[in-house]
């Protein structure tokens, strides 16, 4: 690939604000050439990385704006601390499939315990 073409690609990626792809452009091109990827597969890979990068950046920004005192995910939750919680059920609720299906989630319980249905 010519240097002028590489510069043009970088400029276009910058103008489109595809910054992750711009940063990794040469590595992505080398990988695609080595694997002899079809054009559609290469484009799918580049755009997939860009979408994932923007989603992660969006989550980080919104978390920062929320000014939480600390951030914890469900993956680090200590279920042994609250044995009355059904781990599988809580993880299923966390997938948010209930939204797609138009279902409700109700949490109830007294201080120190909760259940989801």
C-alpha atoms as a PDB file:
ATOM      1  CA  UNK A   1       0.000   0.000   0.000  1.00  0.00           C
ATOM      2  CA  UNK A   2       1.321   3.410  -0.917  1.00  0.00           C
ATOM      3  CA  UNK A   3       2.050   5.973   1.785  1.00  0.00           C
ATOM      4  CA  UNK A   4      -0.264   8.517   0.129  1.00  0.00           C
ATOM      5  CA  UNK A   5      -3.133   6.034   0.175  1.00  0.00           C
ATOM      6  CA  UNK A   6      -2.476   5.183   3.824  1.00  0.00           C
ATOM      7  CA  UNK A   7      -2.489   8.894   4.689  1.00  0.00           C
ATOM      8  CA  UNK A   8      -5.781   9.359   2.810  1.00  0.00           C
ATOM      9  CA  UNK A   9      -7.342   6.431   4.680  1.00  0.00           C
ATOM     10  CA  UNK A  10      -6.204   7.839   8.023  1.00  0.00           C
ATOM     11  CA  UNK A  11      -7.598  11.244   7.126  1.00  0.00           C
ATOM     12  CA  UNK A  12     -10.943   9.747   6.096  1.00  0.00           C
ATOM     13  CA  UNK A  13     -11.151   7.675   9.280  1.00  0.00           C
ATOM     14  CA  UNK A  14     -10.427  10.804  11.308  1.00  0.00           C
ATOM     15  CA  UNK A  15     -13.109  12.789   9.487  1.00  0.00           C
ATOM     16  CA  UNK A  16     -15.603   9.992  10.146  1.00  0.00           C
ATOM     17  CA  UNK A  17     -14.441   9.881  13.781  1.00  0.00           C
ATOM     18  CA  UNK A  18     -13.526   6.201  13.496  1.00  0.00           C
ATOM     19  CA  UNK A  19     -10.611   6.737  15.834  1.00  0.00           C
ATOM     20  CA  UNK A  20     -10.133   3.134  16.960  1.00  0.00           C
ATOM     21  CA  UNK A  21      -9.827   2.047  13.337  1.00  0.00           C
ATOM     22  CA  UNK A  22      -7.465   4.913  12.557  1.00  0.00           C
ATOM     23  CA  UNK A  23      -5.191   3.900  15.402  1.00  0.00           C
ATOM     24  CA  UNK A  24      -5.144   0.243  14.322  1.00  0.00           C
ATOM     25  CA  UNK A  25      -5.289   0.753  10.557  1.00  0.00           C
ATOM     26  CA  UNK A  26      -1.907  -0.703   9.619  1.00  0.00           C
ATOM     27  CA  UNK A  27      -2.332  -3.715  11.914  1.00  0.00           C
ATOM     28  CA  UNK A  28      -5.827  -4.355  10.550  1.00  0.00           C
ATOM     29  CA  UNK A  29      -4.604  -4.143   6.958  1.00  0.00           C
ATOM     30  CA  UNK A  30      -1.657  -6.481   7.632  1.00  0.00           C
ATOM     31  CA  UNK A  31      -3.909  -8.983   9.393  1.00  0.00           C
ATOM     32  CA  UNK A  32      -6.431  -8.907   6.551  1.00  0.00           C
ATOM     33  CA  UNK A  33      -3.700  -9.433   3.963  1.00  0.00           C
ATOM     34  CA  UNK A  34      -2.121 -12.283   5.932  1.00  0.00           C
ATOM     35  CA  UNK A  35      -5.478 -14.054   6.326  1.00  0.00           C
ATOM     36  CA  UNK A  36      -6.576 -13.128   2.788  1.00  0.00           C
ATOM     37  CA  UNK A  37      -9.868 -11.896   4.192  1.00  0.00           C
ATOM     38  CA  UNK A  38     -12.676 -11.116   1.768  1.00  0.00           C
ATOM     39  CA  UNK A  39     -13.554  -7.410   1.650  1.00  0.00           C
ATOM     40  CA  UNK A  40     -16.840  -7.906   3.482  1.00  0.00           C
ATOM     41  CA  UNK A  41     -15.130  -9.822   6.319  1.00  0.00           C
ATOM     42  CA  UNK A  42     -12.491  -7.103   6.654  1.00  0.00           C
ATOM     43  CA  UNK A  43     -15.128  -4.382   6.745  1.00  0.00           C
ATOM     44  CA  UNK A  44     -17.174  -6.389   9.250  1.00  0.00           C
ATOM     45  CA  UNK A  45     -14.136  -6.707  11.523  1.00  0.00           C
ATOM     46  CA  UNK A  46     -13.214  -3.022  11.297  1.00  0.00           C
ATOM     47  CA  UNK A  47     -16.757  -1.796  11.914  1.00  0.00           C
ATOM     48  CA  UNK A  48     -17.329  -4.348  14.700  1.00  0.00           C
ATOM     49  CA  UNK A  49     -14.260  -3.084  16.565  1.00  0.00           C
ATOM     50  CA  UNK A  50     -15.366   0.495  16.067  1.00  0.00           C
ATOM     51  CA  UNK A  51     -18.886  -0.160  17.360  1.00  0.00           C
ATOM     52  CA  UNK A  52     -17.523  -2.000  20.417  1.00  0.00           C
ATOM     53  CA  UNK A  53     -15.083   0.825  21.115  1.00  0.00           C
ATOM     54  CA  UNK A  54     -17.777   3.486  20.882  1.00  0.00           C
ATOM     55  CA  UNK A  55     -20.146   1.476  23.094  1.00  0.00           C
ATOM     56  CA  UNK A  56     -17.467   1.059  25.759  1.00  0.00           C
ATOM     57  CA  UNK A  57     -16.630   4.762  25.579  1.00  0.00           C
ATOM     58  CA  UNK A  58     -20.329   5.644  25.891  1.00  0.00           C
ATOM     59  CA  UNK A  59     -20.741   3.446  28.978  1.00  0.00           C
ATOM     60  CA  UNK A  60     -17.623   4.925  30.571  1.00  0.00           C
ATOM     61  CA  UNK A  61     -18.853   8.473  29.907  1.00  0.00           C
ATOM     62  CA  UNK A  62     -22.336   7.817  31.294  1.00  0.00           C
ATOM     63  CA  UNK A  63     -20.903   6.076  34.353  1.00  0.00           C
ATOM     64  CA  UNK A  64     -18.622   9.050  34.946  1.00  0.00           C
ATOM     65  CA  UNK A  65     -21.503  11.510  34.557  1.00  0.00           C
ATOM     66  CA  UNK A  66     -23.553   9.524  37.073  1.00  0.00           C
ATOM     67  CA  UNK A  67     -20.828  10.193  39.676  1.00  0.00           C
ATOM     68  CA  UNK A  68     -21.249   6.857  41.372  1.00  0.00           C
ATOM     69  CA  UNK A  69     -19.015   6.580  44.448  1.00  0.00           C
ATOM     70  CA  UNK A  70     -17.732   3.279  43.009  1.00  0.00           C
ATOM     71  CA  UNK A  71     -18.657   0.972  40.156  1.00  0.00           C
ATOM     72  CA  UNK A  72     -19.437  -2.696  40.631  1.00  0.00           C
ATOM     73  CA  UNK A  73     -20.757  -5.163  38.109  1.00  0.00           C
ATOM     74  CA  UNK A  74     -22.837  -8.264  38.600  1.00  0.00           C
ATOM     75  CA  UNK A  75     -19.739 -10.351  37.841  1.00  0.00           C
ATOM     76  CA  UNK A  76     -18.087  -9.234  41.100  1.00  0.00           C
ATOM     77  CA  UNK A  77     -21.210  -9.487  43.283  1.00  0.00           C
ATOM     78  CA  UNK A  78     -20.718 -11.780  46.279  1.00  0.00           C
ATOM     79  CA  UNK A  79     -23.786 -14.017  46.214  1.00  0.00           C
ATOM     80  CA  UNK A  80     -22.646 -15.755  49.416  1.00  0.00           C
ATOM     81  CA  UNK A  81     -23.327 -12.461  51.239  1.00  0.00           C
ATOM     82  CA  UNK A  82     -27.013 -12.724  50.286  1.00  0.00           C
ATOM     83  CA  UNK A  83     -27.816 -16.456  50.002  1.00  0.00           C
ATOM     84  CA  UNK A  84     -31.553 -15.864  49.503  1.00  0.00           C
ATOM     85  CA  UNK A  85     -30.851 -14.436  46.026  1.00  0.00           C
ATOM     86  CA  UNK A  86     -31.201 -16.848  43.128  1.00  0.00           C
ATOM     87  CA  UNK A  87     -28.023 -16.247  41.125  1.00  0.00           C
ATOM     88  CA  UNK A  88     -29.359 -17.756  37.885  1.00  0.00           C
ATOM     89  CA  UNK A  89     -32.561 -15.765  38.102  1.00  0.00           C
ATOM     90  CA  UNK A  90     -30.735 -12.498  38.758  1.00  0.00           C
ATOM     91  CA  UNK A  91     -28.354 -13.134  35.862  1.00  0.00           C
ATOM     92  CA  UNK A  92     -31.342 -13.809  33.615  1.00  0.00           C
ATOM     93  CA  UNK A  93     -32.933 -10.508  34.665  1.00  0.00           C
ATOM     94  CA  UNK A  94     -29.603  -8.777  33.921  1.00  0.00           C
ATOM     95  CA  UNK A  95     -29.835  -9.840  30.262  1.00  0.00           C
ATOM     96  CA  UNK A  96     -32.886  -7.539  29.959  1.00  0.00           C
ATOM     97  CA  UNK A  97     -34.762 -10.023  27.776  1.00  0.00           C
ATOM     98  CA  UNK A  98     -37.879  -9.093  29.739  1.00  0.00           C
ATOM     99  CA  UNK A  99     -37.835  -5.746  27.927  1.00  0.00           C
ATOM    100  CA  UNK A 100     -37.863  -7.381  24.488  1.00  0.00           C
ATOM    101  CA  UNK A 101     -40.764  -9.590  25.544  1.00  0.00           C
ATOM    102  CA  UNK A 102     -42.755  -6.765  27.153  1.00  0.00           C
ATOM    103  CA  UNK A 103     -42.659  -8.445  30.565  1.00  0.00           C
ATOM    104  CA  UNK A 104     -42.431  -6.859  33.986  1.00  0.00           C
ATOM    105  CA  UNK A 105     -39.894  -7.512  36.708  1.00  0.00           C
ATOM    106  CA  UNK A 106     -40.974  -7.150  40.304  1.00  0.00           C
ATOM    107  CA  UNK A 107     -38.511  -7.115  43.191  1.00  0.00           C
ATOM    108  CA  UNK A 108     -39.816  -7.588  46.680  1.00  0.00           C
ATOM    109  CA  UNK A 109     -38.544  -8.379  50.082  1.00  0.00           C
ATOM    110  CA  UNK A 110     -37.763  -6.833  53.402  1.00  0.00           C
ATOM    111  CA  UNK A 111     -34.567  -5.114  54.347  1.00  0.00           C
ATOM    112  CA  UNK A 112     -31.707  -7.498  53.714  1.00  0.00           C
ATOM    113  CA  UNK A 113     -33.413  -9.745  51.182  1.00  0.00           C
ATOM    114  CA  UNK A 114     -34.975  -9.414  47.767  1.00  0.00           C
ATOM    115  CA  UNK A 115     -36.477 -11.716  45.176  1.00  0.00           C
ATOM    116  CA  UNK A 116     -37.094 -11.279  41.471  1.00  0.00           C
ATOM    117  CA  UNK A 117     -39.911 -12.787  39.455  1.00  0.00           C
END
